[in-house]
PDB file of N, CA and C in Angstrom:
ATOM      1  N   MET A   1       0.683  -1.356  -0.042  1.00  0.00           N
ATOM      2  CA  MET A   1      -0.136   0.070  -0.009  1.00  0.00           C
ATOM      3  C   MET A   1       0.838   1.089   0.158  1.00  0.00           C
ATOM      4  N   SER A   2       0.482   1.992  -0.803  1.00  0.00           N
ATOM      5  CA  SER A   2       1.521   3.284  -0.935  1.00  0.00           C
ATOM      6  C   SER A   2       1.043   4.339   0.081  1.00  0.00           C
ATOM      7  N   GLU A   3       1.999   5.294   0.182  1.00  0.00           N
ATOM      8  CA  GLU A   3       1.754   6.249   1.487  1.00  0.00           C
ATOM      9  C   GLU A   3       1.440   7.507   1.029  1.00  0.00           C
ATOM     10  N   ILE A   4       0.435   7.750   0.288  1.00  0.00           N
ATOM     11  CA  ILE A   4      -0.189   8.851  -0.325  1.00  0.00           C
ATOM     12  C   ILE A   4      -1.207   9.336   0.523  1.00  0.00           C
ATOM     13  N   THR A   5      -1.163  10.147   1.290  1.00  0.00           N
ATOM     14  CA  THR A   5      -2.167  10.804   2.522  1.00  0.00           C
ATOM     15  C   THR A   5      -2.792  12.241   1.769  1.00  0.00           C
ATOM     16  N   PRO A   6      -3.724  12.412   2.214  1.00  0.00           N
ATOM     17  CA  PRO A   6      -4.528  13.609   1.949  1.00  0.00           C
ATOM     18  C   PRO A   6      -3.605  14.839   2.227  1.00  0.00           C
ATOM     19  N   ASP A   7      -2.971  14.751   3.165  1.00  0.00           N
ATOM     20  CA  ASP A   7      -2.231  15.854   3.605  1.00  0.00           C
ATOM     21  C   ASP A   7      -0.895  16.026   2.421  1.00  0.00           C
ATOM     22  N   LEU A   8      -0.450  14.690   2.103  1.00  0.00           N
ATOM     23  CA  LEU A   8       0.667  14.766   0.900  1.00  0.00           C
ATOM     24  C   LEU A   8       0.067  15.465  -0.283  1.00  0.00           C
ATOM     25  N   VAL A   9      -1.072  15.040  -0.675  1.00  0.00           N
ATOM     26  CA  VAL A   9      -1.863  15.865  -2.110  1.00  0.00           C
ATOM     27  C   VAL A   9      -2.094  17.283  -1.757  1.00  0.00           C
ATOM     28  N   ARG A  10      -2.534  17.766  -0.686  1.00  0.00           N
ATOM     29  CA  ARG A  10      -2.466  19.245  -0.282  1.00  0.00           C
ATOM     30  C   ARG A  10      -1.144  19.885  -0.143  1.00  0.00           C
ATOM     31  N   HIS A  11      -0.063  19.108   0.216  1.00  0.00           N
ATOM     32  CA  HIS A  11       1.055  19.757   0.213  1.00  0.00           C
ATOM     33  C   HIS A  11       1.598  19.706  -1.431  1.00  0.00           C
ATOM     34  N   LEU A  12       1.475  18.791  -2.207  1.00  0.00           N
ATOM     35  CA  LEU A  12       1.837  18.687  -3.659  1.00  0.00           C
ATOM     36  C   LEU A  12       0.916  19.635  -4.397  1.00  0.00           C
ATOM     37  N   ALA A  13      -0.184  19.921  -3.934  1.00  0.00           N
ATOM     38  CA  ALA A  13      -1.180  21.041  -4.674  1.00  0.00           C
ATOM     39  C   ALA A  13      -0.736  22.295  -4.618  1.00  0.00           C
ATOM     40  N   GLY A  14      -0.311  22.788  -3.162  1.00  0.00           N
ATOM     41  CA  GLY A  14       0.245  23.935  -2.665  1.00  0.00           C
ATOM     42  C   GLY A  14       1.571  24.156  -3.455  1.00  0.00           C
ATOM     43  N   LEU A  15       2.486  23.301  -3.684  1.00  0.00           N
ATOM     44  CA  LEU A  15       3.604  23.507  -4.572  1.00  0.00           C
ATOM     45  C   LEU A  15       3.520  23.778  -5.925  1.00  0.00           C
ATOM     46  N   SER A  16       2.237  22.997  -6.439  1.00  0.00           N
ATOM     47  CA  SER A  16       1.876  23.442  -7.715  1.00  0.00           C
ATOM     48  C   SER A  16       1.045  24.513  -7.820  1.00  0.00           C
ATOM     49  N   ARG A  17       0.907  25.139  -6.900  1.00  0.00           N
ATOM     50  CA  ARG A  17      -0.159  26.523  -6.710  1.00  0.00           C
ATOM     51  C   ARG A  17      -1.291  26.194  -7.520  1.00  0.00           C
ATOM     52  N   ILE A  18      -1.714  24.837  -6.938  1.00  0.00           N
ATOM     53  CA  ILE A  18      -3.526  24.346  -7.596  1.00  0.00           C
ATOM     54  C   ILE A  18      -4.055  24.541  -6.474  1.00  0.00           C
ATOM     55  N   LEU A  19      -5.413  25.302  -6.687  1.00  0.00           N
ATOM     56  CA  LEU A  19      -6.422  24.901  -5.448  1.00  0.00           C
ATOM     57  C   LEU A  19      -7.073  23.854  -5.736  1.00  0.00           C
ATOM     58  N   VAL A  20      -7.372  22.906  -4.724  1.00  0.00           N
ATOM     59  CA  VAL A  20      -8.284  21.907  -4.600  1.00  0.00           C
ATOM     60  C   VAL A  20      -9.221  21.764  -3.696  1.00  0.00           C
ATOM     61  N   THR A  21     -10.270  21.400  -3.922  1.00  0.00           N
ATOM     62  CA  THR A  21     -11.341  21.101  -2.844  1.00  0.00           C
ATOM     63  C   THR A  21     -11.082  19.928  -2.060  1.00  0.00           C
ATOM     64  N   ASP A  22     -12.072  19.698  -0.957  1.00  0.00           N
ATOM     65  CA  ASP A  22     -11.494  18.513  -0.209  1.00  0.00           C
ATOM     66  C   ASP A  22     -12.204  17.412  -0.867  1.00  0.00           C
ATOM     67  N   ALA A  23     -12.993  17.377  -1.826  1.00  0.00           N
ATOM     68  CA  ALA A  23     -13.471  16.218  -2.601  1.00  0.00           C
ATOM     69  C   ALA A  23     -12.273  15.487  -3.591  1.00  0.00           C
ATOM     70  N   GLU A  24     -11.727  16.840  -4.219  1.00  0.00           N
ATOM     71  CA  GLU A  24     -10.674  16.558  -5.318  1.00  0.00           C
ATOM     72  C   GLU A  24      -9.551  16.033  -4.400  1.00  0.00           C
ATOM     73  N   VAL A  25      -9.147  16.260  -3.218  1.00  0.00           N
ATOM     74  CA  VAL A  25      -8.248  15.936  -2.249  1.00  0.00           C
ATOM     75  C   VAL A  25      -8.395  14.251  -2.182  1.00  0.00           C
ATOM     76  N   GLU A  26      -9.516  13.979  -1.779  1.00  0.00           N
ATOM     77  CA  GLU A  26      -9.878  12.436  -1.586  1.00  0.00           C
ATOM     78  C   GLU A  26      -9.527  11.911  -3.049  1.00  0.00           C
ATOM     79  N   GLN A  27     -10.267  12.131  -3.992  1.00  0.00           N
ATOM     80  CA  GLN A  27     -10.294  11.560  -5.315  1.00  0.00           C
ATOM     81  C   GLN A  27      -8.826  11.604  -5.588  1.00  0.00           C
ATOM     82  N   PHE A  28      -8.016  12.484  -5.604  1.00  0.00           N
ATOM     83  CA  PHE A  28      -6.502  12.450  -6.097  1.00  0.00           C
ATOM     84  C   PHE A  28      -5.759  11.536  -5.189  1.00  0.00           C
ATOM     85  N   THR A  29      -5.956  11.363  -3.868  1.00  0.00           N
ATOM     86  CA  THR A  29      -5.254  10.606  -2.924  1.00  0.00           C
ATOM     87  C   THR A  29      -5.706   8.882  -3.240  1.00  0.00           C
ATOM     88  N   GLU A  30      -6.946   8.729  -3.722  1.00  0.00           N
ATOM     89  CA  GLU A  30      -7.250   7.443  -4.211  1.00  0.00           C
ATOM     90  C   GLU A  30      -6.438   7.272  -5.252  1.00  0.00           C
ATOM     91  N   GLN A  31      -6.470   8.079  -6.541  1.00  0.00           N
ATOM     92  CA  GLN A  31      -5.884   7.856  -7.773  1.00  0.00           C
ATOM     93  C   GLN A  31      -4.471   7.785  -7.831  1.00  0.00           C
ATOM     94  N   LEU A  32      -3.902   8.761  -7.213  1.00  0.00           N
ATOM     95  CA  LEU A  32      -2.236   8.540  -6.953  1.00  0.00           C
ATOM     96  C   LEU A  32      -1.863   7.447  -6.223  1.00  0.00           C
ATOM     97  N   SER A  33      -2.721   6.876  -5.177  1.00  0.00           N
ATOM     98  CA  SER A  33      -2.456   5.684  -4.435  1.00  0.00           C
ATOM     99  C   SER A  33      -2.211   4.389  -5.405  1.00  0.00           C
ATOM    100  N   LEU A  34      -3.334   4.177  -6.150  1.00  0.00           N
ATOM    101  CA  LEU A  34      -3.491   3.345  -7.293  1.00  0.00           C
ATOM    102  C   LEU A  34      -2.366   3.435  -8.167  1.00  0.00           C
ATOM    103  N   ILE A  35      -1.798   4.560  -8.847  1.00  0.00           N
ATOM    104  CA  ILE A  35      -0.820   4.473  -9.690  1.00  0.00           C
ATOM    105  C   ILE A  35       0.388   4.211  -9.182  1.00  0.00           C
ATOM    106  N   VAL A  36       0.826   4.481  -7.781  1.00  0.00           N
ATOM    107  CA  VAL A  36       1.888   4.342  -6.910  1.00  0.00           C
ATOM    108  C   VAL A  36       2.143   2.738  -6.411  1.00  0.00           C
ATOM    109  N   ASP A  37       0.799   2.173  -6.375  1.00  0.00           N
ATOM    110  CA  ASP A  37       0.755   0.754  -6.124  1.00  0.00           C
ATOM    111  C   ASP A  37       1.139   0.195  -7.314  1.00  0.00           C
ATOM    112  N   SER A  38       0.497   0.473  -8.609  1.00  0.00           N
ATOM    113  CA  SER A  38       0.660  -0.284  -9.451  1.00  0.00           C
ATOM    114  C   SER A  38       2.161  -0.426 -10.122  1.00  0.00           C
ATOM    115  N   VAL A  39       2.804   1.022 -10.189  1.00  0.00           N
ATOM    116  CA  VAL A  39       4.093   1.117 -10.269  1.00  0.00           C
ATOM    117  C   VAL A  39       5.093   0.040  -9.648  1.00  0.00           C
ATOM    118  N   ALA A  40       4.644   0.210  -8.307  1.00  0.00           N
ATOM    119  CA  ALA A  40       5.428  -0.825  -7.325  1.00  0.00           C
ATOM    120  C   ALA A  40       5.334  -2.255  -7.864  1.00  0.00           C
ATOM    121  N   LYS A  41       3.892  -2.704  -8.071  1.00  0.00           N
ATOM    122  CA  LYS A  41       3.912  -4.051  -8.597  1.00  0.00           C
ATOM    123  C   LYS A  41       4.909  -4.430  -9.731  1.00  0.00           C
ATOM    124  N   VAL A  42       4.648  -3.487 -10.641  1.00  0.00           N
ATOM    125  CA  VAL A  42       5.800  -3.765 -11.966  1.00  0.00           C
ATOM    126  C   VAL A  42       6.874  -3.903 -11.659  1.00  0.00           C
ATOM    127  N   ASN A  43       7.575  -2.923 -10.596  1.00  0.00           N
ATOM    128  CA  ASN A  43       8.725  -3.139 -10.179  1.00  0.00           C
ATOM    129  C   ASN A  43       9.284  -4.423  -9.430  1.00  0.00           C
ATOM    130  N   GLU A  44       8.039  -4.814  -8.581  1.00  0.00           N
ATOM    131  CA  GLU A  44       8.520  -6.165  -7.880  1.00  0.00           C
ATOM    132  C   GLU A  44       8.481  -7.297  -9.077  1.00  0.00           C
ATOM    133  N   ALA A  45       7.757  -7.123  -9.766  1.00  0.00           N
ATOM    134  CA  ALA A  45       7.734  -8.256 -10.960  1.00  0.00           C
ATOM    135  C   ALA A  45       9.182  -8.449 -11.720  1.00  0.00           C
ATOM    136  N   LEU A  46       9.698  -7.098 -12.112  1.00  0.00           N
ATOM    137  CA  LEU A  46      10.981  -7.083 -12.802  1.00  0.00           C
ATOM    138  C   LEU A  46      12.062  -7.094 -11.820  1.00  0.00           C
ATOM    139  N   ALA A  47      12.064  -7.155 -10.403  1.00  0.00           N
ATOM    140  CA  ALA A  47      13.019  -7.332  -9.392  1.00  0.00           C
ATOM    141  C   ALA A  47      13.839  -8.615  -9.588  1.00  0.00           C
ATOM    142  N   GLY A  48      13.153  -9.398  -9.802  1.00  0.00           N
ATOM    143  CA  GLY A  48      13.879 -11.043 -10.040  1.00  0.00           C
ATOM    144  C   GLY A  48      14.295 -10.957 -11.503  1.00  0.00           C
ATOM    145  N   LEU A  49      13.946 -10.264 -12.080  1.00  0.00           N
ATOM    146  CA  LEU A  49      14.520 -10.483 -13.708  1.00  0.00           C
ATOM    147  C   LEU A  49      15.985  -9.631 -14.010  1.00  0.00           C
ATOM    148  N   ASP A  50      16.803 -10.632 -14.920  1.00  0.00           N
ATOM    149  CA  ASP A  50      17.959  -9.904 -15.391  1.00  0.00           C
ATOM    150  C   ASP A  50      17.634  -8.998 -16.388  1.00  0.00           C
ATOM    151  N   VAL A  51      16.784  -7.987 -16.257  1.00  0.00           N
ATOM    152  CA  VAL A  51      16.586  -7.174 -17.495  1.00  0.00           C
ATOM    153  C   VAL A  51      17.200  -5.834 -17.380  1.00  0.00           C
ATOM    154  N   PRO A  52      18.261  -5.425 -18.325  1.00  0.00           N
ATOM    155  CA  PRO A  52      18.822  -4.235 -18.341  1.00  0.00           C
ATOM    156  C   PRO A  52      17.874  -2.929 -18.360  1.00  0.00           C
ATOM    157  N   ALA A  53      18.035  -1.783 -17.797  1.00  0.00           N
ATOM    158  CA  ALA A  53      17.339  -0.898 -17.904  1.00  0.00           C
ATOM    159  C   ALA A  53      17.611  -0.079 -19.228  1.00  0.00           C
ATOM    160  N   THR A  54      16.611   0.306 -20.062  1.00  0.00           N
ATOM    161  CA  THR A  54      16.822   0.778 -21.256  1.00  0.00           C
ATOM    162  C   THR A  54      15.880   2.012 -21.592  1.00  0.00           C
ATOM    163  N   SER A  55      16.339   2.869 -22.592  1.00  0.00           N
ATOM    164  CA  SER A  55      15.615   4.229 -22.791  1.00  0.00           C
ATOM    165  C   SER A  55      14.852   3.756 -24.147  1.00  0.00           C
ATOM    166  N   HIS A  56      15.151   2.932 -24.791  1.00  0.00           N
ATOM    167  CA  HIS A  56      14.545   2.585 -26.202  1.00  0.00           C
ATOM    168  C   HIS A  56      14.682   1.113 -26.422  1.00  0.00           C
ATOM    169  N   PRO A  57      13.625   0.511 -26.883  1.00  0.00           N
ATOM    170  CA  PRO A  57      13.675  -1.074 -26.972  1.00  0.00           C
ATOM    171  C   PRO A  57      14.614  -1.376 -28.164  1.00  0.00           C
ATOM    172  N   ILE A  58      15.018  -0.589 -29.261  1.00  0.00           N
ATOM    173  CA  ILE A  58      15.753  -0.969 -30.174  1.00  0.00           C
ATOM    174  C   ILE A  58      16.890  -0.095 -30.051  1.00  0.00           C
ATOM    175  N   PRO A  59      18.290  -0.833 -30.185  1.00  0.00           N
ATOM    176  CA  PRO A  59      19.395  -0.241 -30.107  1.00  0.00           C
ATOM    177  C   PRO A  59      19.662   0.993 -31.073  1.00  0.00           C
ATOM    178  N   MET A  60      19.928   1.969 -30.614  1.00  0.00           N
ATOM    179  CA  MET A  60      20.019   3.341 -31.455  1.00  0.00           C
ATOM    180  C   MET A  60      21.569   3.550 -31.616  1.00  0.00           C
ATOM    181  N   ALA A  61      22.037   4.137 -32.822  1.00  0.00           N
ATOM    182  CA  ALA A  61      23.276   4.754 -32.940  1.00  0.00           C
ATOM    183  C   ALA A  61      23.268   5.997 -33.834  1.00  0.00           C
ATOM    184  N   ASN A  62      23.982   6.986 -33.761  1.00  0.00           N
ATOM    185  CA  ASN A  62      24.038   8.034 -34.621  1.00  0.00           C
ATOM    186  C   ASN A  62      24.829   7.687 -35.742  1.00  0.00           C
ATOM    187  N   VAL A  63      24.182   7.964 -36.978  1.00  0.00           N
ATOM    188  CA  VAL A  63      24.720   7.713 -38.164  1.00  0.00           C
ATOM    189  C   VAL A  63      25.647   8.974 -38.800  1.00  0.00           C
ATOM    190  N   PHE A  64      26.768   8.783 -39.015  1.00  0.00           N
ATOM    191  CA  PHE A  64      27.534  10.047 -39.550  1.00  0.00           C
ATOM    192  C   PHE A  64      28.187   9.789 -40.838  1.00  0.00           C
ATOM    193  N   ARG A  65      28.384  10.993 -41.407  1.00  0.00           N
ATOM    194  CA  ARG A  65      29.107  10.631 -43.031  1.00  0.00           C
ATOM    195  C   ARG A  65      30.302  11.442 -42.764  1.00  0.00           C
ATOM    196  N   GLU A  66      31.065  11.369 -43.681  1.00  0.00           N
ATOM    197  CA  GLU A  66      32.399  11.833 -43.690  1.00  0.00           C
ATOM    198  C   GLU A  66      32.150  13.422 -44.228  1.00  0.00           C
ATOM    199  N   ASP A  67      32.953  14.138 -43.640  1.00  0.00           N
ATOM    200  CA  ASP A  67      32.734  15.691 -43.945  1.00  0.00           C
ATOM    201  C   ASP A  67      33.550  15.875 -45.022  1.00  0.00           C
ATOM    202  N   ILE A  68      33.071  15.968 -46.123  1.00  0.00           N
ATOM    203  CA  ILE A  68      33.881  16.202 -47.477  1.00  0.00           C
ATOM    204  C   ILE A  68      33.724  17.513 -48.210  1.00  0.00           C
ATOM    205  N   VAL A  69      34.792  18.079 -48.393  1.00  0.00           N
ATOM    206  CA  VAL A  69      34.600  19.546 -48.973  1.00  0.00           C
ATOM    207  C   VAL A  69      34.167  19.367 -50.232  1.00  0.00           C
ATOM    208  N   GLU A  70      33.172  19.974 -51.008  1.00  0.00           N
ATOM    209  CA  GLU A  70      32.800  19.984 -52.192  1.00  0.00           C
ATOM    210  C   GLU A  70      32.472  21.526 -52.794  1.00  0.00           C
ATOM    211  N   PRO A  71      32.590  21.401 -54.207  1.00  0.00           N
ATOM    212  CA  PRO A  71      32.533  22.678 -54.746  1.00  0.00           C
ATOM    213  C   PRO A  71      31.191  23.110 -54.411  1.00  0.00           C
ATOM    214  N   SER A  72      31.128  24.637 -54.004  1.00  0.00           N
ATOM    215  CA  SER A  72      30.091  25.420 -53.607  1.00  0.00           C
ATOM    216  C   SER A  72      30.135  26.766 -54.042  1.00  0.00           C
ATOM    217  N   LEU A  73      28.924  27.626 -53.744  1.00  0.00           N
ATOM    218  CA  LEU A  73      28.975  28.845 -54.041  1.00  0.00           C
ATOM    219  C   LEU A  73      30.030  29.732 -53.625  1.00  0.00           C
ATOM    220  N   THR A  74      30.587  30.847 -54.041  1.00  0.00           N
ATOM    221  CA  THR A  74      31.475  31.735 -53.505  1.00  0.00           C
ATOM    222  C   THR A  74      30.842  32.742 -52.750  1.00  0.00           C
ATOM    223  N   GLN A  75      31.397  33.472 -51.889  1.00  0.00           N
ATOM    224  CA  GLN A  75      30.669  34.426 -51.027  1.00  0.00           C
ATOM    225  C   GLN A  75      29.956  35.341 -51.907  1.00  0.00           C
ATOM    226  N   ALA A  76      30.697  35.717 -52.777  1.00  0.00           N
ATOM    227  CA  ALA A  76      30.005  36.824 -53.880  1.00  0.00           C
ATOM    228  C   ALA A  76      28.693  36.344 -54.731  1.00  0.00           C
ATOM    229  N   GLU A  77      28.811  34.985 -54.934  1.00  0.00           N
ATOM    230  CA  GLU A  77      27.803  34.313 -55.608  1.00  0.00           C
ATOM    231  C   GLU A  77      26.330  34.173 -54.657  1.00  0.00           C
ATOM    232  N   ALA A  78      26.805  33.691 -53.520  1.00  0.00           N
ATOM    233  CA  ALA A  78      25.726  33.721 -52.427  1.00  0.00           C
ATOM    234  C   ALA A  78      25.140  34.701 -52.027  1.00  0.00           C
ATOM    235  N   LEU A  79      25.852  36.112 -52.265  1.00  0.00           N
ATOM    236  CA  LEU A  79      25.380  37.281 -51.951  1.00  0.00           C
ATOM    237  C   LEU A  79      24.813  37.907 -52.794  1.00  0.00           C
ATOM    238  N   SER A  80      24.924  37.407 -54.185  1.00  0.00           N
ATOM    239  CA  SER A  80      24.388  37.948 -55.505  1.00  0.00           C
ATOM    240  C   SER A  80      22.924  38.178 -55.513  1.00  0.00           C
ATOM    241  N   GLY A  81      21.953  37.308 -54.929  1.00  0.00           N
ATOM    242  CA  GLY A  81      20.455  37.473 -54.836  1.00  0.00           C
ATOM    243  C   GLY A  81      19.925  37.849 -53.850  1.00  0.00           C
ATOM    244  N   ALA A  82      20.879  38.460 -52.863  1.00  0.00           N
ATOM    245  CA  ALA A  82      20.190  39.015 -51.550  1.00  0.00           C
ATOM    246  C   ALA A  82      19.796  40.345 -52.090  1.00  0.00           C
ATOM    247  N   PRO A  83      18.451  40.918 -51.157  1.00  0.00           N
ATOM    248  CA  PRO A  83      18.120  42.056 -51.459  1.00  0.00           C
ATOM    249  C   PRO A  83      19.163  43.086 -51.041  1.00  0.00           C
ATOM    250  N   ASP A  84      19.935  42.968 -49.797  1.00  0.00           N
ATOM    251  CA  ASP A  84      20.855  43.929 -49.299  1.00  0.00           C
ATOM    252  C   ASP A  84      21.975  43.123 -48.618  1.00  0.00           C
ATOM    253  N   SER A  85      23.174  43.569 -48.950  1.00  0.00           N
ATOM    254  CA  SER A  85      24.412  43.055 -48.397  1.00  0.00           C
ATOM    255  C   SER A  85      25.437  44.226 -48.130  1.00  0.00           C
ATOM    256  N   GLY A  86      26.577  43.609 -47.403  1.00  0.00           N
ATOM    257  CA  GLY A  86      27.552  44.390 -47.026  1.00  0.00           C
ATOM    258  C   GLY A  86      28.399  43.746 -46.320  1.00  0.00           C
ATOM    259  N   GLU A  87      29.824  44.279 -46.207  1.00  0.00           N
ATOM    260  CA  GLU A  87      30.909  43.774 -45.764  1.00  0.00           C
ATOM    261  C   GLU A  87      31.031  42.076 -46.010  1.00  0.00           C
ATOM    262  N   GLY A  88      30.645  41.528 -46.909  1.00  0.00           N
ATOM    263  CA  GLY A  88      30.543  40.304 -47.181  1.00  0.00           C
ATOM    264  C   GLY A  88      29.523  39.432 -46.315  1.00  0.00           C
ATOM    265  N   ARG A  89      28.400  40.308 -45.910  1.00  0.00           N
ATOM    266  CA  ARG A  89      27.283  39.585 -45.131  1.00  0.00           C
ATOM    267  C   ARG A  89      25.853  39.763 -45.876  1.00  0.00           C
ATOM    268  N   PHE A  90      24.859  38.971 -45.620  1.00  0.00           N
ATOM    269  CA  PHE A  90      23.418  39.480 -45.750  1.00  0.00           C
ATOM    270  C   PHE A  90      23.181  40.568 -44.547  1.00  0.00           C
ATOM    271  N   ARG A  91      22.304  41.557 -45.203  1.00  0.00           N
ATOM    272  CA  ARG A  91      21.784  42.609 -44.333  1.00  0.00           C
ATOM    273  C   ARG A  91      20.258  42.428 -44.331  1.00  0.00           C
ATOM    274  N   VAL A  92      19.835  42.460 -43.010  1.00  0.00           N
ATOM    275  CA  VAL A  92      18.321  42.245 -42.734  1.00  0.00           C
ATOM    276  C   VAL A  92      17.986  43.384 -41.727  1.00  0.00           C
ATOM    277  N   ALA A  93      16.513  43.569 -41.876  1.00  0.00           N
ATOM    278  CA  ALA A  93      16.230  44.747 -41.028  1.00  0.00           C
ATOM    279  C   ALA A  93      16.293  44.211 -39.426  1.00  0.00           C
ATOM    280  N   ALA A  94      16.563  45.077 -38.430  1.00  0.00           N
ATOM    281  CA  ALA A  94      16.477  45.102 -37.218  1.00  0.00           C
ATOM    282  C   ALA A  94      15.553  44.586 -36.753  1.00  0.00           C
ATOM    283  N   ILE A  95      15.565  43.424 -35.744  1.00  0.00           N
ATOM    284  CA  ILE A  95      14.305  43.264 -35.242  1.00  0.00           C
ATOM    285  C   ILE A  95      14.206  43.316 -33.545  1.00  0.00           C
ATOM    286  N   LEU A  96      15.416  43.941 -33.079  1.00  0.00           N
ATOM    287  CA  LEU A  96      15.576  44.582 -31.772  1.00  0.00           C
ATOM    288  C   LEU A  96      15.651  46.053 -31.757  1.00  0.00           C
ATOM    289  N   ASP A  97      15.742  46.650 -31.032  1.00  0.00           N
ATOM    290  CA  ASP A  97      16.205  48.031 -30.724  1.00  0.00           C
ATOM    291  C   ASP A  97      17.467  48.673 -30.507  1.00  0.00           C
ATOM    292  N   GLU A  98      18.238  47.800 -31.321  1.00  0.00           N
ATOM    293  CA  GLU A  98      19.863  47.930 -31.302  1.00  0.00           C
ATOM    294  C   GLU A  98      19.940  48.329 -32.518  1.00  0.00           C
ATOM    295  N   GLU A  99      21.494  49.048 -32.664  1.00  0.00           N
ATOM    296  CA  GLU A  99      21.757  49.262 -34.077  1.00  0.00           C
ATOM    297  C   GLU A  99      23.223  48.404 -34.143  1.00  0.00           C
TER     298      GLU A  99
END
């Protein structure tokens, strides 16, 4: 049996800044107790098994490719279609009150 009490539910509601009625406290106490008890049962069932903890059921690995330099646009070519540029950079309208 879990140790979820009405006082604990009220405390958690206070930390969460959630106003709860006495009826809600009783309801949440029952619901949270059921959840905690269910998780405990699952943990008990798995305690005897030699099952490693996993974050994903299928082994995952990052796929990387070689970083190969290939021909691309020059700086001037990249800036040629820009509506405004200067000092080798794109110019855009300011979005902050900064200059």
